[in-house]
Amino acid sequence: MALRVAVVGSGPAGSSAAETLAKAGIETYLFERKLDNAKPCGGAIPLCMVSEFDLPPEIIDRRVRKMKMISPSNVEVNIGQTLNDDE
């Protein structure tokens, strides 16, 4: 009996699951209800992960070294303060 799978949601987890299933030869359908904001991981992928997704390096739009995240309750988190230049 052939397997058919429906994956609901094309975010990072759903897309990864659908890709893994399809590569395993399983007939896979990926459903996403809202296509107007389709982007991976909020618009960013860590540079160290580009090769994991089989993405060509020339599609990298910009390299973010530091950023500040602010929660709805105004808690701030600074990311990238300890990065070396090559990270």
N, C-alpha and C. Protein backbone atom coordinates (compact mmCIF):
# COMPACT_ATOMS: atom_id res chain seq x y z
N MET A 1 0.84 -1.18 0.00
CA MET A 1 0.00 0.00 0.00
C MET A 1 0.89 1.25 0.00
N ALA A 2 0.66 2.16 -0.93
CA ALA A 2 1.43 3.40 -1.02
C ALA A 2 0.97 4.37 0.07
N LEU A 3 1.93 5.09 0.65
CA LEU A 3 1.60 6.08 1.67
C LEU A 3 1.35 7.42 1.02
N ARG A 4 0.36 8.15 1.53
CA ARG A 4 0.10 9.53 1.16
C ARG A 4 -0.01 10.33 2.44
N VAL A 5 0.65 11.47 2.48
CA VAL A 5 0.67 12.28 3.70
C VAL A 5 0.28 13.71 3.37
N ALA A 6 -0.52 14.32 4.24
CA ALA A 6 -0.84 15.74 4.15
C ALA A 6 -0.16 16.44 5.32
N VAL A 7 0.61 17.46 5.02
CA VAL A 7 1.25 18.28 6.04
C VAL A 7 0.54 19.62 6.03
N VAL A 8 0.01 20.01 7.18
CA VAL A 8 -0.74 21.26 7.28
C VAL A 8 0.15 22.31 7.94
N GLY A 9 0.43 23.36 7.20
CA GLY A 9 1.30 24.44 7.69
C GLY A 9 2.67 24.36 7.05
N SER A 10 3.05 25.42 6.35
CA SER A 10 4.33 25.39 5.63
C SER A 10 5.40 26.23 6.30
N GLY A 11 5.30 26.37 7.62
CA GLY A 11 6.36 27.04 8.36
C GLY A 11 7.61 26.17 8.36
N PRO A 12 8.60 26.52 9.15
CA PRO A 12 9.84 25.75 9.17
C PRO A 12 9.65 24.27 9.47
N ALA A 13 8.82 23.94 10.45
CA ALA A 13 8.62 22.54 10.81
C ALA A 13 7.85 21.78 9.73
N GLY A 14 6.76 22.38 9.24
CA GLY A 14 5.96 21.72 8.21
C GLY A 14 6.73 21.54 6.92
N SER A 15 7.46 22.57 6.51
CA SER A 15 8.25 22.48 5.28
C SER A 15 9.34 21.42 5.39
N SER A 16 10.00 21.37 6.54
CA SER A 16 11.05 20.37 6.75
C SER A 16 10.46 18.96 6.74
N ALA A 17 9.31 18.80 7.40
CA ALA A 17 8.66 17.49 7.42
C ALA A 17 8.25 17.06 6.01
N ALA A 18 7.66 17.98 5.25
CA ALA A 18 7.22 17.66 3.89
C ALA A 18 8.40 17.30 3.00
N GLU A 19 9.49 18.03 3.14
CA GLU A 19 10.68 17.75 2.33
C GLU A 19 11.24 16.37 2.66
N THR A 20 11.34 16.06 3.95
CA THR A 20 11.86 14.76 4.37
C THR A 20 10.99 13.62 3.86
N LEU A 21 9.67 13.78 3.97
CA LEU A 21 8.75 12.75 3.48
C LEU A 21 8.86 12.57 1.97
N ALA A 22 8.90 13.68 1.23
CA ALA A 22 8.99 13.60 -0.22
C ALA A 22 10.30 12.96 -0.67
N LYS A 23 11.40 13.31 -0.01
CA LYS A 23 12.70 12.70 -0.35
C LYS A 23 12.71 11.20 -0.05
N ALA A 24 11.86 10.77 0.89
CA ALA A 24 11.77 9.34 1.22
C ALA A 24 10.85 8.60 0.25
N GLY A 25 10.32 9.33 -0.74
CA GLY A 25 9.47 8.69 -1.74
C GLY A 25 8.01 8.60 -1.36
N ILE A 26 7.61 9.31 -0.32
CA ILE A 26 6.22 9.28 0.12
C ILE A 26 5.47 10.41 -0.58
N GLU A 27 4.30 10.11 -1.13
CA GLU A 27 3.48 11.12 -1.79
C GLU A 27 3.04 12.14 -0.74
N THR A 28 3.47 13.38 -0.90
CA THR A 28 3.31 14.39 0.14
C THR A 28 2.59 15.61 -0.40
N TYR A 29 1.61 16.11 0.35
CA TYR A 29 0.88 17.32 0.01
C TYR A 29 1.09 18.31 1.15
N LEU A 30 1.54 19.52 0.81
CA LEU A 30 1.80 20.56 1.79
C LEU A 30 0.72 21.64 1.65
N PHE A 31 -0.02 21.90 2.72
CA PHE A 31 -1.11 22.87 2.69
C PHE A 31 -0.76 24.08 3.55
N GLU A 32 -0.95 25.26 2.99
CA GLU A 32 -0.75 26.51 3.72
C GLU A 32 -1.92 27.43 3.38
N ARG A 33 -2.58 27.95 4.40
CA ARG A 33 -3.77 28.78 4.15
C ARG A 33 -3.42 30.22 3.86
N LYS A 34 -2.28 30.70 4.33
CA LYS A 34 -1.96 32.11 4.17
C LYS A 34 -0.63 32.25 3.43
N LEU A 35 -0.69 32.49 2.14
CA LEU A 35 0.52 32.56 1.32
C LEU A 35 1.08 33.97 1.18
N ASP A 36 0.40 34.98 1.69
CA ASP A 36 0.86 36.34 1.47
C ASP A 36 2.05 36.74 2.34
N ASN A 37 2.37 35.96 3.35
CA ASN A 37 3.53 36.28 4.18
C ASN A 37 4.50 35.10 4.25
N ALA A 38 4.60 34.35 3.18
CA ALA A 38 5.46 33.17 3.16
C ALA A 38 6.92 33.59 3.25
N LYS A 39 7.56 33.21 4.32
CA LYS A 39 8.98 33.49 4.51
C LYS A 39 9.51 32.54 5.57
N PRO A 40 10.73 32.09 5.45
CA PRO A 40 11.28 31.14 6.41
C PRO A 40 11.67 31.80 7.72
N CYS A 41 11.28 31.23 8.81
CA CYS A 41 11.76 31.63 10.14
C CYS A 41 11.66 33.12 10.39
N GLY A 42 10.54 33.72 10.10
CA GLY A 42 10.39 35.14 10.33
C GLY A 42 11.24 35.98 9.39
N GLY A 43 11.71 35.42 8.33
CA GLY A 43 12.50 36.17 7.37
C GLY A 43 13.99 35.94 7.48
N ALA A 44 14.43 35.14 8.43
CA ALA A 44 15.86 34.95 8.60
C ALA A 44 16.21 33.49 8.82
N ILE A 45 17.36 33.12 8.32
CA ILE A 45 17.94 31.79 8.57
C ILE A 45 19.36 32.04 9.05
N PRO A 46 19.79 31.43 10.15
CA PRO A 46 21.18 31.61 10.57
C PRO A 46 22.13 31.20 9.46
N LEU A 47 23.17 31.99 9.25
CA LEU A 47 24.10 31.71 8.15
C LEU A 47 24.69 30.32 8.23
N CYS A 48 24.87 29.80 9.44
CA CYS A 48 25.44 28.46 9.59
C CYS A 48 24.48 27.38 9.09
N MET A 49 23.20 27.73 8.87
CA MET A 49 22.21 26.76 8.43
C MET A 49 21.94 26.78 6.93
N VAL A 50 22.52 27.73 6.20
CA VAL A 50 22.25 27.84 4.77
C VAL A 50 22.55 26.52 4.06
N SER A 51 23.66 25.90 4.39
CA SER A 51 24.01 24.63 3.73
C SER A 51 23.07 23.50 4.13
N GLU A 52 22.48 23.56 5.31
CA GLU A 52 21.53 22.53 5.75
C GLU A 52 20.27 22.51 4.91
N PHE A 53 19.88 23.67 4.38
CA PHE A 53 18.67 23.79 3.58
C PHE A 53 18.94 23.68 2.09
N ASP A 54 20.16 23.34 1.71
CA ASP A 54 20.54 23.25 0.29
C ASP A 54 20.22 24.54 -0.45
N LEU A 55 20.46 25.67 0.19
CA LEU A 55 20.21 26.96 -0.43
C LEU A 55 21.51 27.49 -1.04
N PRO A 56 21.46 28.02 -2.24
CA PRO A 56 22.68 28.58 -2.83
C PRO A 56 23.08 29.86 -2.10
N PRO A 57 24.37 30.05 -1.84
CA PRO A 57 24.82 31.22 -1.08
C PRO A 57 24.46 32.56 -1.74
N GLU A 58 24.27 32.57 -3.06
CA GLU A 58 23.99 33.84 -3.73
C GLU A 58 22.60 34.40 -3.42
N ILE A 59 21.75 33.62 -2.75
CA ILE A 59 20.43 34.17 -2.40
C ILE A 59 20.45 34.92 -1.07
N ILE A 60 21.58 34.93 -0.39
CA ILE A 60 21.68 35.67 0.87
C ILE A 60 21.56 37.16 0.57
N ASP A 61 20.54 37.77 1.14
CA ASP A 61 20.25 39.18 0.89
C ASP A 61 21.13 40.10 1.74
N ARG A 62 21.24 39.78 3.02
CA ARG A 62 22.10 40.57 3.90
C ARG A 62 22.50 39.72 5.10
N ARG A 63 23.61 40.08 5.69
CA ARG A 63 24.12 39.34 6.86
C ARG A 63 23.94 40.21 8.10
N VAL A 64 23.13 39.73 9.01
CA VAL A 64 22.86 40.46 10.24
C VAL A 64 23.78 39.92 11.32
N ARG A 65 24.56 40.79 11.91
CA ARG A 65 25.52 40.39 12.95
C ARG A 65 24.97 40.60 14.36
N LYS A 66 24.13 41.59 14.51
CA LYS A 66 23.57 41.90 15.83
C LYS A 66 22.14 42.36 15.65
N MET A 67 21.30 42.06 16.65
CA MET A 67 19.93 42.55 16.63
C MET A 67 19.39 42.61 18.05
N LYS A 68 18.36 43.40 18.20
CA LYS A 68 17.69 43.52 19.50
C LYS A 68 16.26 43.06 19.32
N MET A 69 15.83 42.15 20.19
CA MET A 69 14.43 41.70 20.19
C MET A 69 13.75 42.30 21.41
N ILE A 70 12.55 42.82 21.20
CA ILE A 70 11.80 43.43 22.30
C ILE A 70 10.45 42.74 22.38
N SER A 71 10.15 42.16 23.54
CA SER A 71 8.89 41.45 23.73
C SER A 71 7.74 42.43 23.92
N PRO A 72 6.50 41.95 23.84
CA PRO A 72 5.35 42.83 24.08
C PRO A 72 5.37 43.48 25.47
N SER A 73 6.06 42.84 26.43
CA SER A 73 6.14 43.44 27.77
C SER A 73 7.42 44.26 27.94
N ASN A 74 8.06 44.60 26.82
CA ASN A 74 9.26 45.46 26.78
C ASN A 74 10.52 44.84 27.37
N VAL A 75 10.59 43.52 27.41
CA VAL A 75 11.83 42.86 27.79
C VAL A 75 12.73 42.84 26.56
N GLU A 76 13.97 43.32 26.71
CA GLU A 76 14.89 43.41 25.58
C GLU A 76 15.95 42.31 25.66
N VAL A 77 16.25 41.75 24.49
CA VAL A 77 17.32 40.76 24.38
C VAL A 77 18.21 41.18 23.24
N ASN A 78 19.51 41.35 23.53
CA ASN A 78 20.49 41.69 22.51
C ASN A 78 21.13 40.40 22.02
N ILE A 79 21.08 40.18 20.72
CA ILE A 79 21.62 38.96 20.13
C ILE A 79 22.84 39.33 19.29
N GLY A 80 23.90 38.57 19.46
CA GLY A 80 25.09 38.79 18.65
C GLY A 80 26.21 39.51 19.35
N GLN A 81 26.03 39.85 20.61
CA GLN A 81 27.07 40.58 21.33
C GLN A 81 28.38 39.81 21.46
N THR A 82 28.28 38.47 21.47
CA THR A 82 29.49 37.65 21.68
C THR A 82 30.00 37.01 20.40
N LEU A 83 29.45 37.38 19.24
CA LEU A 83 29.87 36.77 17.99
C LEU A 83 31.27 37.24 17.58
N ASN A 84 32.03 36.33 17.03
CA ASN A 84 33.29 36.69 16.39
C ASN A 84 32.99 37.18 14.97
N ASP A 85 33.95 37.82 14.31
CA ASP A 85 33.72 38.37 12.98
C ASP A 85 33.32 37.31 11.95
N ASP A 86 33.78 36.07 12.12
CA ASP A 86 33.50 35.03 11.12
C ASP A 86 32.26 34.21 11.47
N GLU A 87 31.54 34.57 12.50
CA GLU A 87 30.35 33.80 12.90
C GLU A 87 29.09 34.44 12.35
